[in-house]
Amino acid sequence: YEFHRYYVLPQGVKADDVTCKYSTEGVLVVQAPFTPPPEPEPPKETDIEIKRE
């Protein structure tokens, strides 16, 4: 007997790190370690010189 189910992994989960096992109750437990993306850098302020002619 075979069972197939496909899932899309969220961004930040590496497919090579996903593991699964059956619990003692017969439930398939899938674990996927999540690595959050790095925080974006705050915008930098830049002075722009304006020349009037």
Protein backbone atom coordinates (compact mmCIF):
# COMPACT_ATOMS: atom_id res chain seq x y z
CA TYR A 1 0.00 0.00 0.00
CA GLU A 2 1.34 3.43 -0.95
CA PHE A 3 0.25 6.89 0.02
CA HIS A 4 1.41 10.06 -1.73
CA ARG A 5 0.86 13.62 -0.61
CA TYR A 6 2.72 16.69 -1.82
CA TYR A 7 3.20 19.94 0.06
CA VAL A 8 4.82 23.23 -0.82
CA LEU A 9 7.41 24.13 1.78
CA PRO A 10 7.30 27.67 3.12
CA GLN A 11 10.12 30.06 2.32
CA GLY A 12 12.90 29.53 4.86
CA VAL A 13 12.58 25.72 5.03
CA LYS A 14 15.26 23.60 3.37
CA ALA A 15 13.93 20.36 1.88
CA ASP A 16 17.10 18.50 2.89
CA ASP A 17 16.43 19.25 6.58
CA VAL A 18 12.86 17.86 6.66
CA THR A 19 12.42 14.69 8.72
CA CYS A 20 9.42 12.50 9.44
CA LYS A 21 8.53 9.56 11.67
CA TYR A 22 5.51 7.68 12.96
CA SER A 23 4.43 8.44 16.51
CA THR A 24 3.41 5.67 18.91
CA GLU A 25 -0.22 6.52 18.02
CA GLY A 26 0.46 5.88 14.31
CA VAL A 27 0.46 9.55 13.30
CA LEU A 28 3.04 10.66 10.76
CA VAL A 29 4.98 13.58 12.27
CA VAL A 30 6.80 15.84 9.82
CA GLN A 31 9.39 18.27 11.18
CA ALA A 32 10.78 21.10 9.09
CA PRO A 33 13.22 23.47 10.81
CA PHE A 34 12.46 27.06 9.90
CA THR A 35 15.14 29.68 9.36
CA PRO A 36 13.58 33.14 9.24
CA PRO A 37 14.88 35.45 6.52
CA PRO A 38 17.30 38.16 7.67
CA GLU A 39 15.80 41.45 8.77
CA PRO A 40 15.96 44.08 6.04
CA GLU A 41 18.31 46.97 6.72
CA PRO A 42 16.57 50.24 7.53
CA PRO A 43 16.69 52.86 4.77
CA LYS A 44 19.70 55.15 4.88
CA GLU A 45 19.33 58.91 4.81
CA THR A 46 21.43 60.68 2.20
CA ASP A 47 21.81 64.41 1.77
CA ILE A 48 21.51 65.56 -1.83
CA GLU A 49 22.96 68.94 -2.74
CA ILE A 50 20.67 71.06 -4.85
CA LYS A 51 22.22 73.75 -7.07
CA ARG A 52 20.05 76.59 -8.28
CA GLU A 53 21.09 78.43 -11.40
